C-alpha atoms as a PDB file:
ATOM      1  CA  MET A   1     -12.188 -21.035  75.545  1.00  0.00           C
ATOM      2  CA  ILE A   2     -12.820 -18.348  78.155  1.00  0.00           C
ATOM      3  CA  ASP A   3      -9.751 -16.164  78.785  1.00  0.00           C
ATOM      4  CA  VAL A   4     -10.411 -14.522  82.136  1.00  0.00           C
ATOM      5  CA  SER A   5      -7.034 -12.775  82.134  1.00  0.00           C
ATOM      6  CA  LYS A   6      -8.459 -10.178  79.742  1.00  0.00           C
ATOM      7  CA  PRO A   7     -11.578  -8.145  80.467  1.00  0.00           C
ATOM      8  CA  SER A   8     -14.730  -8.596  78.423  1.00  0.00           C
ATOM      9  CA  VAL A   9     -17.470  -6.030  77.907  1.00  0.00           C
ATOM     10  CA  ALA A  10     -20.153  -8.464  79.100  1.00  0.00           C
ATOM     11  CA  ARG A  11     -18.323  -9.246  82.349  1.00  0.00           C
ATOM     12  CA  MET A  12     -17.488  -5.593  83.001  1.00  0.00           C
ATOM     13  CA  TYR A  13     -21.164  -4.732  82.635  1.00  0.00           C
ATOM     14  CA  ASP A  14     -22.017  -7.604  84.976  1.00  0.00           C
ATOM     15  CA  PHE A  15     -19.665  -6.164  87.602  1.00  0.00           C
ATOM     16  CA  LEU A  16     -21.105  -2.663  87.263  1.00  0.00           C
ATOM     17  CA  ILE A  17     -24.636  -3.908  87.970  1.00  0.00           C
ATOM     18  CA  ASP A  18     -23.436  -5.979  90.961  1.00  0.00           C
ATOM     19  CA  GLY A  19     -23.395  -9.336  89.201  1.00  0.00           C
ATOM     20  CA  THR A  20     -21.193 -12.252  90.233  1.00  0.00           C
ATOM     21  CA  ASP A  21     -19.931 -13.508  86.861  1.00  0.00           C
ATOM     22  CA  ASN A  22     -16.827 -11.348  86.596  1.00  0.00           C
ATOM     23  CA  TYR A  23     -13.113 -11.695  87.289  1.00  0.00           C
ATOM     24  CA  PRO A  24     -10.206  -9.576  88.587  1.00  0.00           C
ATOM     25  CA  SER A  25      -9.352  -8.407  85.058  1.00  0.00           C
ATOM     26  CA  ASP A  26     -12.885  -7.111  84.589  1.00  0.00           C
ATOM     27  CA  ARG A  27     -12.949  -5.380  87.968  1.00  0.00           C
ATOM     28  CA  ALA A  28      -9.564  -3.753  87.349  1.00  0.00           C
ATOM     29  CA  ALA A  29     -10.735  -2.458  83.971  1.00  0.00           C
ATOM     30  CA  CYS A  30     -13.897  -1.046  85.555  1.00  0.00           C
ATOM     31  CA  ALA A  31     -11.815   0.731  88.189  1.00  0.00           C
ATOM     32  CA  GLU A  32      -9.877   2.510  85.445  1.00  0.00           C
ATOM     33  CA  LEU A  33     -13.034   3.297  83.509  1.00  0.00           C
ATOM     34  CA  LEU A  34     -14.641   4.806  86.595  1.00  0.00           C
ATOM     35  CA  LYS A  35     -11.705   7.205  86.891  1.00  0.00           C
ATOM     36  CA  MET A  36     -12.466   8.527  83.408  1.00  0.00           C
ATOM     37  CA  ALA A  37     -16.244   8.489  83.753  1.00  0.00           C
ATOM     38  CA  PRO A  38     -17.309   8.360  87.429  1.00  0.00           C
ATOM     39  CA  SER A  39     -21.005   7.970  86.609  1.00  0.00           C
ATOM     40  CA  THR A  40     -20.504   4.664  84.775  1.00  0.00           C
ATOM     41  CA  ARG A  41     -21.880   2.423  87.528  1.00  0.00           C
ATOM     42  CA  GLU A  42     -25.125   4.406  87.756  1.00  0.00           C
ATOM     43  CA  LEU A  43     -25.296   4.553  83.972  1.00  0.00           C
ATOM     44  CA  ALA A  44     -25.166   0.740  83.722  1.00  0.00           C
ATOM     45  CA  ARG A  45     -27.946   0.326  86.277  1.00  0.00           C
ATOM     46  CA  ILE A  46     -30.059   2.973  84.554  1.00  0.00           C
ATOM     47  CA  ASN A  47     -29.650   1.167  81.247  1.00  0.00           C
ATOM     48  CA  ARG A  48     -30.696  -2.164  82.727  1.00  0.00           C
ATOM     49  CA  ALA A  49     -33.802  -0.568  84.210  1.00  0.00           C
ATOM     50  CA  PHE A  50     -34.597   0.964  80.797  1.00  0.00           C
ATOM     51  CA  LEU A  51     -34.461  -2.495  79.223  1.00  0.00           C
ATOM     52  CA  VAL A  52     -36.933  -3.826  81.798  1.00  0.00           C
ATOM     53  CA  ARG A  53     -39.316  -0.891  81.305  1.00  0.00           C
ATOM     54  CA  ALA A  54     -39.142  -1.142  77.525  1.00  0.00           C
ATOM     55  CA  VAL A  55     -39.905  -4.871  77.501  1.00  0.00           C
ATOM     56  CA  ARG A  56     -42.738  -4.379  80.006  1.00  0.00           C
ATOM     57  CA  TYR A  57     -44.215  -1.611  77.845  1.00  0.00           C
ATOM     58  CA  LEU A  58     -44.014  -3.723  74.709  1.00  0.00           C
ATOM     59  CA  ALA A  59     -45.621  -6.737  76.374  1.00  0.00           C
ATOM     60  CA  ARG A  60     -48.335  -4.912  78.310  1.00  0.00           C
ATOM     61  CA  GLU A  61     -49.257  -2.020  76.054  1.00  0.00           C
ATOM     62  CA  ALA A  62     -48.036  -2.894  72.566  1.00  0.00           C
ATOM     63  CA  GLY A  63     -49.049  -6.561  72.694  1.00  0.00           C
ATOM     64  CA  VAL A  64     -45.624  -7.868  71.675  1.00  0.00           C
ATOM     65  CA  PHE A  65     -44.634 -11.276  73.001  1.00  0.00           C
ATOM     66  CA  ARG A  66     -41.688 -12.157  70.770  1.00  0.00           C
ATOM     67  CA  PHE A  67     -38.243 -10.714  71.358  1.00  0.00           C
ATOM     68  CA  LEU A  68     -34.886 -10.927  69.592  1.00  0.00           C
ATOM     69  CA  ASP A  69     -32.173  -9.761  71.989  1.00  0.00           C
ATOM     70  CA  HIS A  70     -28.960  -8.812  70.151  1.00  0.00           C
ATOM     71  CA  GLY A  71     -25.821  -8.901  72.300  1.00  0.00           C
ATOM     72  CA  SER A  72     -27.842 -10.073  75.281  1.00  0.00           C
ATOM     73  CA  GLY A  73     -24.960 -10.287  77.756  1.00  0.00           C
ATOM     74  CA  LEU A  74     -24.790 -12.336  80.923  1.00  0.00           C
ATOM     75  CA  PRO A  75     -28.146 -13.397  82.390  1.00  0.00           C
ATOM     76  CA  THR A  76     -29.346 -10.821  84.913  1.00  0.00           C
ATOM     77  CA  ARG A  77     -32.669 -11.081  86.716  1.00  0.00           C
ATOM     78  CA  PRO A  78     -35.171 -10.147  85.652  1.00  0.00           C
ATOM     79  CA  ASN A  79     -34.316 -11.338  82.172  1.00  0.00           C
ATOM     80  CA  VAL A  80     -36.241 -10.356  79.056  1.00  0.00           C
ATOM     81  CA  HIS A  81     -38.360 -13.522  79.026  1.00  0.00           C
ATOM     82  CA  GLU A  82     -39.175 -13.143  82.728  1.00  0.00           C
ATOM     83  CA  VAL A  83     -40.395  -9.566  82.246  1.00  0.00           C
ATOM     84  CA  ALA A  84     -42.403 -10.420  79.143  1.00  0.00           C
ATOM     85  CA  ARG A  85     -44.020 -13.430  80.799  1.00  0.00           C
ATOM     86  CA  GLN A  86     -45.496 -11.309  83.525  1.00  0.00           C
ATOM     87  CA  THR A  87     -47.957 -10.392  80.756  1.00  0.00           C
ATOM     88  CA  HIS A  88     -47.624 -13.250  78.257  1.00  0.00           C
ATOM     89  CA  PRO A  89     -46.823 -16.625  79.890  1.00  0.00           C
ATOM     90  CA  GLN A  90     -45.843 -18.055  76.497  1.00  0.00           C
ATOM     91  CA  ALA A  91     -43.618 -15.162  75.435  1.00  0.00           C
ATOM     92  CA  ARG A  92     -40.833 -16.305  73.127  1.00  0.00           C
ATOM     93  CA  VAL A  93     -37.317 -14.886  73.344  1.00  0.00           C
ATOM     94  CA  VAL A  94     -34.150 -15.575  71.364  1.00  0.00           C
ATOM     95  CA  TYR A  95     -30.934 -14.343  72.981  1.00  0.00           C
ATOM     96  CA  ILE A  96     -27.917 -13.702  70.736  1.00  0.00           C
ATOM     97  CA  ASP A  97     -24.323 -13.340  71.885  1.00  0.00           C
ATOM     98  CA  ASN A  98     -20.840 -14.563  70.980  1.00  0.00           C
ATOM     99  CA  ASP A  99     -19.214 -14.383  74.424  1.00  0.00           C
ATOM    100  CA  PRO A 100     -18.528 -17.989  75.531  1.00  0.00           C
ATOM    101  CA  LEU A 101     -19.339 -17.274  79.176  1.00  0.00           C
ATOM    102  CA  VAL A 102     -22.634 -15.670  78.197  1.00  0.00           C
ATOM    103  CA  LEU A 103     -23.533 -18.715  76.100  1.00  0.00           C
ATOM    104  CA  ALA A 104     -22.617 -21.169  78.860  1.00  0.00           C
ATOM    105  CA  HIS A 105     -24.629 -19.368  81.531  1.00  0.00           C
ATOM    106  CA  GLY A 106     -27.543 -18.636  79.232  1.00  0.00           C
ATOM    107  CA  ARG A 107     -27.945 -22.239  78.106  1.00  0.00           C
ATOM    108  CA  VAL A 108     -27.857 -23.524  81.674  1.00  0.00           C
ATOM    109  CA  MET A 109     -30.455 -20.944  82.705  1.00  0.00           C
ATOM    110  CA  LEU A 110     -32.803 -21.833  79.862  1.00  0.00           C
ATOM    111  CA  GLU A 111     -32.295 -25.592  79.574  1.00  0.00           C
ATOM    112  CA  GLU A 112     -35.745 -26.307  81.037  1.00  0.00           C
ATOM    113  CA  ASP A 113     -37.510 -23.901  78.691  1.00  0.00           C
ATOM    114  CA  LEU A 114     -36.235 -24.761  75.238  1.00  0.00           C
ATOM    115  CA  GLN A 115     -39.687 -24.537  73.670  1.00  0.00           C
ATOM    116  CA  ASN A 116     -40.022 -20.775  74.087  1.00  0.00           C
ATOM    117  CA  THR A 117     -36.487 -19.501  74.709  1.00  0.00           C
ATOM    118  CA  SER A 118     -33.135 -20.133  73.101  1.00  0.00           C
ATOM    119  CA  VAL A 119     -29.589 -18.818  73.149  1.00  0.00           C
ATOM    120  CA  ILE A 120     -27.778 -18.477  69.828  1.00  0.00           C
ATOM    121  CA  GLY A 121     -24.010 -18.254  69.602  1.00  0.00           C
ATOM    122  CA  ALA A 122     -23.514 -15.633  66.896  1.00  0.00           C
ATOM    123  CA  ASP A 123     -22.035 -12.232  66.216  1.00  0.00           C
ATOM    124  CA  PHE A 124     -25.035  -9.917  66.249  1.00  0.00           C
ATOM    125  CA  ARG A 125     -23.672  -8.184  63.142  1.00  0.00           C
ATOM    126  CA  ASP A 126     -24.416 -11.333  61.107  1.00  0.00           C
ATOM    127  CA  THR A 127     -28.050 -10.520  60.373  1.00  0.00           C
ATOM    128  CA  GLU A 128     -28.342 -12.899  57.430  1.00  0.00           C
ATOM    129  CA  GLY A 129     -26.935 -15.800  59.444  1.00  0.00           C
ATOM    130  CA  ILE A 130     -29.081 -15.026  62.476  1.00  0.00           C
ATOM    131  CA  PHE A 131     -32.321 -14.890  60.495  1.00  0.00           C
ATOM    132  CA  ALA A 132     -31.430 -18.240  58.914  1.00  0.00           C
ATOM    133  CA  VAL A 133     -31.306 -19.975  62.314  1.00  0.00           C
ATOM    134  CA  PRO A 134     -34.411 -22.159  62.839  1.00  0.00           C
ATOM    135  CA  GLU A 135     -35.251 -20.596  66.208  1.00  0.00           C
ATOM    136  CA  VAL A 136     -35.311 -17.125  64.653  1.00  0.00           C
ATOM    137  CA  ARG A 137     -37.248 -18.264  61.576  1.00  0.00           C
ATOM    138  CA  ARG A 138     -39.920 -19.686  63.872  1.00  0.00           C
ATOM    139  CA  LEU A 139     -40.014 -16.382  65.747  1.00  0.00           C
ATOM    140  CA  VAL A 140     -40.902 -14.334  62.667  1.00  0.00           C
ATOM    141  CA  GLU A 141     -42.439 -16.754  60.186  1.00  0.00           C
ATOM    142  CA  ASP A 142     -46.116 -16.330  61.080  1.00  0.00           C
ATOM    143  CA  GLY A 143     -46.061 -12.531  60.885  1.00  0.00           C
ATOM    144  CA  GLU A 144     -46.636 -11.702  64.551  1.00  0.00           C
ATOM    145  CA  PRO A 145     -44.841  -8.516  65.710  1.00  0.00           C
ATOM    146  CA  VAL A 146     -41.325  -8.954  67.069  1.00  0.00           C
ATOM    147  CA  ALA A 147     -39.262  -6.577  69.189  1.00  0.00           C
ATOM    148  CA  ALA A 148     -35.591  -6.471  68.209  1.00  0.00           C
ATOM    149  CA  LEU A 149     -33.402  -5.282  71.070  1.00  0.00           C
ATOM    150  CA  PHE A 150     -30.074  -3.471  70.638  1.00  0.00           C
ATOM    151  CA  VAL A 151     -29.629  -2.315  74.212  1.00  0.00           C
ATOM    152  CA  SER A 152     -26.204  -0.867  75.020  1.00  0.00           C
ATOM    153  CA  VAL A 153     -24.434  -2.942  72.369  1.00  0.00           C
ATOM    154  CA  LEU A 154     -24.031  -0.861  69.209  1.00  0.00           C
ATOM    155  CA  HIS A 155     -21.066   1.022  70.677  1.00  0.00           C
ATOM    156  CA  CYS A 156     -19.303  -2.359  70.602  1.00  0.00           C
ATOM    157  CA  ILE A 157     -19.054  -2.300  66.806  1.00  0.00           C
ATOM    158  CA  PRO A 158     -16.917   0.106  64.740  1.00  0.00           C
ATOM    159  CA  ASP A 159     -18.176   2.484  62.097  1.00  0.00           C
ATOM    160  CA  ASP A 160     -16.734   0.229  59.374  1.00  0.00           C
ATOM    161  CA  ASP A 161     -19.355  -2.377  60.332  1.00  0.00           C
ATOM    162  CA  ASP A 162     -22.102   0.238  59.856  1.00  0.00           C
ATOM    163  CA  PRO A 163     -24.350   0.057  62.949  1.00  0.00           C
ATOM    164  CA  TRP A 164     -26.836   2.346  61.152  1.00  0.00           C
ATOM    165  CA  GLY A 165     -27.140  -0.121  58.278  1.00  0.00           C
ATOM    166  CA  LEU A 166     -27.348  -3.024  60.718  1.00  0.00           C
ATOM    167  CA  VAL A 167     -30.406  -1.524  62.420  1.00  0.00           C
ATOM    168  CA  LYS A 168     -32.094  -0.914  59.056  1.00  0.00           C
ATOM    169  CA  ASN A 169     -31.303  -4.435  57.857  1.00  0.00           C
ATOM    170  CA  VAL A 170     -32.876  -6.007  60.939  1.00  0.00           C
ATOM    171  CA  ALA A 171     -35.905  -3.689  60.824  1.00  0.00           C
ATOM    172  CA  ARG A 172     -36.740  -4.581  57.228  1.00  0.00           C
ATOM    173  CA  ARG A 173     -36.776  -8.308  58.097  1.00  0.00           C
ATOM    174  CA  LEU A 174     -39.309  -7.911  60.894  1.00  0.00           C
ATOM    175  CA  PRO A 175     -43.059  -8.424  60.445  1.00  0.00           C
ATOM    176  CA  ALA A 176     -45.356  -5.412  60.200  1.00  0.00           C
ATOM    177  CA  GLY A 177     -46.113  -3.858  63.573  1.00  0.00           C
ATOM    178  CA  SER A 178     -42.733  -4.774  65.036  1.00  0.00           C
ATOM    179  CA  TYR A 179     -40.546  -2.618  67.264  1.00  0.00           C
ATOM    180  CA  MET A 180     -36.899  -1.738  67.833  1.00  0.00           C
ATOM    181  CA  VAL A 181     -35.395  -0.950  71.232  1.00  0.00           C
ATOM    182  CA  ILE A 182     -32.077   0.876  70.884  1.00  0.00           C
ATOM    183  CA  SER A 183     -29.680   2.492  73.327  1.00  0.00           C
ATOM    184  CA  GLN A 184     -26.018   3.346  72.983  1.00  0.00           C
ATOM    185  CA  LEU A 185     -23.321   5.055  75.029  1.00  0.00           C
ATOM    186  CA  ALA A 186     -23.132   8.670  73.900  1.00  0.00           C
ATOM    187  CA  SER A 187     -21.322  11.870  74.744  1.00  0.00           C
ATOM    188  CA  ASP A 188     -21.051  15.269  73.114  1.00  0.00           C
ATOM    189  CA  ASP A 189     -17.609  15.711  74.697  1.00  0.00           C
ATOM    190  CA  ALA A 190     -15.210  14.772  71.904  1.00  0.00           C
ATOM    191  CA  GLY A 191     -12.293  14.396  74.307  1.00  0.00           C
ATOM    192  CA  LEU A 192     -14.136  11.930  76.507  1.00  0.00           C
ATOM    193  CA  ARG A 193     -15.366   9.975  73.500  1.00  0.00           C
ATOM    194  CA  GLU A 194     -11.799   9.524  72.303  1.00  0.00           C
ATOM    195  CA  GLU A 195     -10.379   8.714  75.747  1.00  0.00           C
ATOM    196  CA  VAL A 196     -12.936   6.034  76.600  1.00  0.00           C
ATOM    197  CA  THR A 197     -12.996   4.594  73.087  1.00  0.00           C
ATOM    198  CA  SER A 198      -9.207   4.209  73.033  1.00  0.00           C
ATOM    199  CA  PHE A 199      -9.185   2.634  76.499  1.00  0.00           C
ATOM    200  CA  MET A 200     -11.919   0.120  75.701  1.00  0.00           C
ATOM    201  CA  ARG A 201     -10.366  -0.862  72.392  1.00  0.00           C
ATOM    202  CA  GLU A 202      -7.045  -1.488  74.089  1.00  0.00           C
ATOM    203  CA  ILE A 203      -8.283  -3.568  77.011  1.00  0.00           C
ATOM    204  CA  THR A 204     -10.686  -5.650  74.895  1.00  0.00           C
ATOM    205  CA  GLY A 205      -8.164  -6.361  72.151  1.00  0.00           C
ATOM    206  CA  GLY A 206     -10.178  -4.400  69.628  1.00  0.00           C
ATOM    207  CA  ALA A 207     -13.596  -5.814  70.587  1.00  0.00           C
ATOM    208  CA  TRP A 208     -15.078  -2.344  70.759  1.00  0.00           C
ATOM    209  CA  GLY A 209     -16.505   0.220  68.418  1.00  0.00           C
ATOM    210  CA  ARG A 210     -16.934   3.815  69.500  1.00  0.00           C
ATOM    211  CA  VAL A 211     -18.680   6.078  71.961  1.00  0.00           C
ATOM    212  CA  ARG A 212     -20.788   8.249  69.650  1.00  0.00           C
ATOM    213  CA  SER A 213     -22.310  11.696  69.764  1.00  0.00           C
ATOM    214  CA  THR A 214     -26.009  12.071  70.496  1.00  0.00           C
ATOM    215  CA  GLU A 215     -26.553  13.165  66.895  1.00  0.00           C
ATOM    216  CA  GLU A 216     -24.922   9.968  65.617  1.00  0.00           C
ATOM    217  CA  VAL A 217     -27.140   7.888  67.896  1.00  0.00           C
ATOM    218  CA  ARG A 218     -30.183   9.839  66.747  1.00  0.00           C
ATOM    219  CA  ALA A 219     -29.418   8.690  63.194  1.00  0.00           C
ATOM    220  CA  LEU A 220     -29.898   5.050  64.291  1.00  0.00           C
ATOM    221  CA  PHE A 221     -33.637   5.803  64.433  1.00  0.00           C
ATOM    222  CA  ASP A 222     -33.894   7.125  60.868  1.00  0.00           C
ATOM    223  CA  GLY A 223     -36.902   5.547  59.170  1.00  0.00           C
ATOM    224  CA  LEU A 224     -38.405   4.394  62.486  1.00  0.00           C
ATOM    225  CA  GLU A 225     -41.343   5.911  64.350  1.00  0.00           C
ATOM    226  CA  LEU A 226     -40.373   6.713  67.920  1.00  0.00           C
ATOM    227  CA  VAL A 227     -42.945   6.147  70.652  1.00  0.00           C
ATOM    228  CA  GLU A 228     -43.372   8.284  73.751  1.00  0.00           C
ATOM    229  CA  HIS A 229     -40.895  10.967  72.629  1.00  0.00           C
ATOM    230  CA  PRO A 230     -40.194  12.873  69.391  1.00  0.00           C
ATOM    231  CA  GLY A 231     -36.573  11.714  69.538  1.00  0.00           C
ATOM    232  CA  PRO A 232     -34.191   9.507  71.499  1.00  0.00           C
ATOM    233  CA  VAL A 233     -33.589  10.519  75.126  1.00  0.00           C
ATOM    234  CA  GLU A 234     -31.324   9.835  78.061  1.00  0.00           C
ATOM    235  CA  VAL A 235     -32.925   6.534  78.950  1.00  0.00           C
ATOM    236  CA  SER A 236     -33.684   7.202  82.628  1.00  0.00           C
ATOM    237  CA  THR A 237     -36.305   9.671  81.348  1.00  0.00           C
ATOM    238  CA  TRP A 238     -38.055   7.082  79.160  1.00  0.00           C
ATOM    239  CA  ARG A 239     -41.305   6.214  80.994  1.00  0.00           C
ATOM    240  CA  PRO A 240     -39.689   6.378  84.465  1.00  0.00           C
ATOM    241  CA  ASP A 241     -41.554   4.279  87.004  1.00  0.00           C
ATOM    242  CA  THR A 242     -39.842   5.510  90.161  1.00  0.00           C
ATOM    243  CA  ASP A 243     -38.238   8.623  91.593  1.00  0.00           C
ATOM    244  CA  ILE A 244     -35.736   6.747  93.751  1.00  0.00           C
ATOM    245  CA  PHE A 245     -33.788   4.784  91.156  1.00  0.00           C
ATOM    246  CA  PRO A 246     -30.074   5.767  90.918  1.00  0.00           C
ATOM    247  CA  ARG A 247     -29.459   8.886  88.872  1.00  0.00           C
ATOM    248  CA  GLN A 248     -26.193  10.006  87.372  1.00  0.00           C
ATOM    249  CA  GLN A 249     -24.541  12.681  89.467  1.00  0.00           C
ATOM    250  CA  THR A 250     -22.406  13.649  86.483  1.00  0.00           C
ATOM    251  CA  ARG A 251     -23.140  13.263  82.791  1.00  0.00           C
ATOM    252  CA  GLU A 252     -19.810  12.862  81.089  1.00  0.00           C
ATOM    253  CA  TRP A 253     -21.607  10.215  79.031  1.00  0.00           C
ATOM    254  CA  ILE A 254     -25.135   8.822  78.937  1.00  0.00           C
ATOM    255  CA  GLU A 255     -27.172   5.962  77.575  1.00  0.00           C
ATOM    256  CA  PHE A 256     -29.156   7.559  74.763  1.00  0.00           C
ATOM    257  CA  GLY A 257     -32.008   5.779  73.037  1.00  0.00           C
ATOM    258  CA  GLY A 258     -35.657   4.856  72.883  1.00  0.00           C
ATOM    259  CA  VAL A 259     -38.325   2.522  71.541  1.00  0.00           C
ATOM    260  CA  ALA A 260     -39.545   2.797  67.958  1.00  0.00           C
ATOM    261  CA  ARG A 261     -42.075   1.185  65.650  1.00  0.00           C
ATOM    262  CA  VAL A 262     -41.008  -0.326  62.366  1.00  0.00           C
ATOM    263  CA  ARG A 263     -42.936   1.439  59.603  1.00  0.00           C
END
């Protein structure tokens, strides 16, 4: 069942990037969030552009044509498979999410392309269960590199669920030569972290983790080999392809992350 009386993270994000799959509860929650962090709309658009650039880089320059998108969210063009197929027409993508609206829209969008794309209804924390799904087994079984995406989703899980361990667990299951794409909402303002975290936990009924410090996000890359930069960065600076894309006027929080090779 889809309860549109309560906001969801996926639908709020959809609203912030000018999507159409959101409801009054989501828009009201975004209005409150924008009071706390006025740069949030630009931040969401910057993050989406980072995802597109990262996938394009992996397909064009790293030769990756298999993608595992954790917490994929509502379909937004261009989607991961559309970007990858600009280079590899047979690129294979598995989208993972547990939001019922995301699953409904994703399956409709991909119903004519079930050979190379699929949408899995699962909590992206369930690594063992996800890698047991036939679509995922086929993605990794022949040893070709895979890119695992955790783009603006790890702040949705609490520390007790160990996002750092989750990243390591996924990385160790990937074939040699694979990649991880990671970004997460971060702030070094402890007051803002607490204010936004408390607000999001309340409005989502606990379906939220924590805004983390940049140092905590940096630790997500432990054991991985970052490309392009010696460490994670504010993602608008990761291989920027334009000077006119929206920039944050204020930086009360940022999307912090990067692309890394699995050693």
